[in-house]
């Protein structure tokens, strides 16, 4: 498997239409409001990591892990493993919204 190029993530740089679409989707499984902004940002970040191949499956333990170049604080989610967070919040529906074009190697 090819390791993707490192890409920084800045939620503030997300296109407003993409952010709105993500929030609308998340609102179907979680109440999105002004008080939940940081929580929602974490969900969007995890979906972005997944969308851009910065989450890997480890066959030895049967779980997914975030690429070591990135940090994801699952403490916001009662320390659930990312597989459970991905499933519970239906992040698979955000992945197509957050997938970025592959970086050029030229």
C-alpha atoms as a PDB file:
ATOM      1  CA  UNK A   1       0.000   0.000   0.000  1.00  0.00           C
ATOM      2  CA  UNK A   2       1.270   3.466  -0.906  1.00  0.00           C
ATOM      3  CA  UNK A   3       1.578   5.914   1.962  1.00  0.00           C
ATOM      4  CA  UNK A   4      -0.189   9.165   1.043  1.00  0.00           C
ATOM      5  CA  UNK A   5       1.676  12.448   1.146  1.00  0.00           C
ATOM      6  CA  UNK A   6       1.257  14.396   4.356  1.00  0.00           C
ATOM      7  CA  UNK A   7      -1.411  17.092   4.024  1.00  0.00           C
ATOM      8  CA  UNK A   8      -2.163  19.509   6.816  1.00  0.00           C
ATOM      9  CA  UNK A   9      -5.798  19.823   7.854  1.00  0.00           C
ATOM     10  CA  UNK A  10      -7.308  23.172   8.775  1.00  0.00           C
ATOM     11  CA  UNK A  11     -11.041  23.118   9.434  1.00  0.00           C
ATOM     12  CA  UNK A  12     -11.133  26.883   8.805  1.00  0.00           C
ATOM     13  CA  UNK A  13     -10.016  26.242   5.207  1.00  0.00           C
ATOM     14  CA  UNK A  14     -12.929  23.919   4.505  1.00  0.00           C
ATOM     15  CA  UNK A  15     -15.258  25.355   1.857  1.00  0.00           C
ATOM     16  CA  UNK A  16     -18.419  26.696   3.551  1.00  0.00           C
ATOM     17  CA  UNK A  17     -20.637  24.518   1.331  1.00  0.00           C
ATOM     18  CA  UNK A  18     -18.663  21.397   2.301  1.00  0.00           C
ATOM     19  CA  UNK A  19     -18.814  22.261   5.990  1.00  0.00           C
ATOM     20  CA  UNK A  20     -22.555  22.893   5.749  1.00  0.00           C
ATOM     21  CA  UNK A  21     -23.123  19.573   3.949  1.00  0.00           C
ATOM     22  CA  UNK A  22     -21.079  17.757   6.621  1.00  0.00           C
ATOM     23  CA  UNK A  23     -23.021  19.415   9.416  1.00  0.00           C
ATOM     24  CA  UNK A  24     -26.352  18.598   7.762  1.00  0.00           C
ATOM     25  CA  UNK A  25     -25.364  14.949   7.471  1.00  0.00           C
ATOM     26  CA  UNK A  26     -24.084  14.799  11.047  1.00  0.00           C
ATOM     27  CA  UNK A  27     -27.300  16.447  12.235  1.00  0.00           C
ATOM     28  CA  UNK A  28     -29.161  13.290  11.171  1.00  0.00           C
ATOM     29  CA  UNK A  29     -27.339  11.318  13.910  1.00  0.00           C
ATOM     30  CA  UNK A  30     -26.234  14.027  16.369  1.00  0.00           C
ATOM     31  CA  UNK A  31     -27.715  17.400  17.309  1.00  0.00           C
ATOM     32  CA  UNK A  32     -25.419  19.957  15.706  1.00  0.00           C
ATOM     33  CA  UNK A  33     -25.581  23.385  17.327  1.00  0.00           C
ATOM     34  CA  UNK A  34     -23.254  26.202  18.388  1.00  0.00           C
ATOM     35  CA  UNK A  35     -22.369  24.378  21.612  1.00  0.00           C
ATOM     36  CA  UNK A  36     -21.233  21.255  19.750  1.00  0.00           C
ATOM     37  CA  UNK A  37     -18.812  23.037  17.366  1.00  0.00           C
ATOM     38  CA  UNK A  38     -15.603  21.464  18.726  1.00  0.00           C
ATOM     39  CA  UNK A  39     -17.188  18.014  18.850  1.00  0.00           C
ATOM     40  CA  UNK A  40     -18.451  18.345  15.271  1.00  0.00           C
ATOM     41  CA  UNK A  41     -15.039  19.604  14.147  1.00  0.00           C
ATOM     42  CA  UNK A  42     -13.485  16.424  15.560  1.00  0.00           C
ATOM     43  CA  UNK A  43     -15.959  14.275  13.618  1.00  0.00           C
ATOM     44  CA  UNK A  44     -15.281  16.159  10.390  1.00  0.00           C
ATOM     45  CA  UNK A  45     -11.538  15.816  11.012  1.00  0.00           C
ATOM     46  CA  UNK A  46     -11.797  12.047  11.511  1.00  0.00           C
ATOM     47  CA  UNK A  47     -13.895  11.736   8.345  1.00  0.00           C
ATOM     48  CA  UNK A  48     -11.282  13.827   6.473  1.00  0.00           C
ATOM     49  CA  UNK A  49      -8.511  11.505   7.696  1.00  0.00           C
ATOM     50  CA  UNK A  50     -10.502   8.520   6.462  1.00  0.00           C
ATOM     51  CA  UNK A  51     -11.361  10.196   3.151  1.00  0.00           C
ATOM     52  CA  UNK A  52      -7.729  10.935   2.384  1.00  0.00           C
ATOM     53  CA  UNK A  53      -6.293   7.532   3.322  1.00  0.00           C
ATOM     54  CA  UNK A  54      -4.754   8.608   6.623  1.00  0.00           C
ATOM     55  CA  UNK A  55      -6.502   5.771   8.442  1.00  0.00           C
ATOM     56  CA  UNK A  56      -5.076   2.276   8.144  1.00  0.00           C
ATOM     57  CA  UNK A  57      -6.467  -1.176   8.884  1.00  0.00           C
ATOM     58  CA  UNK A  58      -4.284  -3.426  11.021  1.00  0.00           C
ATOM     59  CA  UNK A  59      -5.017  -7.076  10.273  1.00  0.00           C
ATOM     60  CA  UNK A  60      -3.283  -8.188  13.485  1.00  0.00           C
ATOM     61  CA  UNK A  61      -5.777  -6.505  15.803  1.00  0.00           C
ATOM     62  CA  UNK A  62      -8.655  -6.041  13.351  1.00  0.00           C
ATOM     63  CA  UNK A  63      -8.910  -2.296  13.968  1.00  0.00           C
ATOM     64  CA  UNK A  64      -8.271   0.929  12.113  1.00  0.00           C
ATOM     65  CA  UNK A  65      -5.597   3.364  13.252  1.00  0.00           C
ATOM     66  CA  UNK A  66      -4.843   6.983  12.396  1.00  0.00           C
ATOM     67  CA  UNK A  67      -1.608   7.551  10.479  1.00  0.00           C
ATOM     68  CA  UNK A  68       1.149   8.379  12.988  1.00  0.00           C
ATOM     69  CA  UNK A  69       1.737  11.765  11.364  1.00  0.00           C
ATOM     70  CA  UNK A  70      -1.689  12.873  12.581  1.00  0.00           C
ATOM     71  CA  UNK A  71      -3.343  13.006  15.968  1.00  0.00           C
ATOM     72  CA  UNK A  72      -6.953  12.278  16.749  1.00  0.00           C
ATOM     73  CA  UNK A  73      -8.213  12.748  20.296  1.00  0.00           C
ATOM     74  CA  UNK A  74     -10.834  10.080  20.850  1.00  0.00           C
ATOM     75  CA  UNK A  75     -11.224  11.370  24.412  1.00  0.00           C
ATOM     76  CA  UNK A  76     -14.050  13.515  23.037  1.00  0.00           C
ATOM     77  CA  UNK A  77     -15.866  10.239  22.347  1.00  0.00           C
ATOM     78  CA  UNK A  78     -15.381   8.428  25.671  1.00  0.00           C
ATOM     79  CA  UNK A  79     -12.198   6.867  24.263  1.00  0.00           C
ATOM     80  CA  UNK A  80     -14.148   4.751  21.776  1.00  0.00           C
ATOM     81  CA  UNK A  81     -12.052   3.196  19.051  1.00  0.00           C
ATOM     82  CA  UNK A  82     -12.248   5.055  15.771  1.00  0.00           C
ATOM     83  CA  UNK A  83     -14.078   2.171  14.098  1.00  0.00           C
ATOM     84  CA  UNK A  84     -16.992   2.685  16.506  1.00  0.00           C
ATOM     85  CA  UNK A  85     -16.967   6.467  16.064  1.00  0.00           C
ATOM     86  CA  UNK A  86     -16.927   6.063  12.277  1.00  0.00           C
ATOM     87  CA  UNK A  87     -19.907   3.729  12.411  1.00  0.00           C
ATOM     88  CA  UNK A  88     -21.948   5.492  15.114  1.00  0.00           C
ATOM     89  CA  UNK A  89     -21.779   8.895  13.407  1.00  0.00           C
ATOM     90  CA  UNK A  90     -22.065   7.479   9.881  1.00  0.00           C
ATOM     91  CA  UNK A  91     -18.857   9.162   8.785  1.00  0.00           C
ATOM     92  CA  UNK A  92     -18.859   7.099   5.591  1.00  0.00           C
ATOM     93  CA  UNK A  93     -21.420   9.615   4.331  1.00  0.00           C
ATOM     94  CA  UNK A  94     -18.948  12.472   4.879  1.00  0.00           C
ATOM     95  CA  UNK A  95     -16.012  10.780   3.164  1.00  0.00           C
ATOM     96  CA  UNK A  96     -17.041  11.681  -0.424  1.00  0.00           C
ATOM     97  CA  UNK A  97     -17.495  15.310   0.634  1.00  0.00           C
ATOM     98  CA  UNK A  98     -14.013  15.505   2.137  1.00  0.00           C
ATOM     99  CA  UNK A  99     -11.902  13.500  -0.315  1.00  0.00           C
ATOM    100  CA  UNK A 100      -9.185  15.703  -1.797  1.00  0.00           C
ATOM    101  CA  UNK A 101      -7.462  15.224  -5.146  1.00  0.00           C
ATOM    102  CA  UNK A 102      -4.258  13.151  -4.944  1.00  0.00           C
ATOM    103  CA  UNK A 103      -1.081  15.172  -4.543  1.00  0.00           C
ATOM    104  CA  UNK A 104       1.148  15.295  -7.571  1.00  0.00           C
ATOM    105  CA  UNK A 105       4.525  13.588  -7.277  1.00  0.00           C
ATOM    106  CA  UNK A 106       6.085  15.760  -9.969  1.00  0.00           C
END
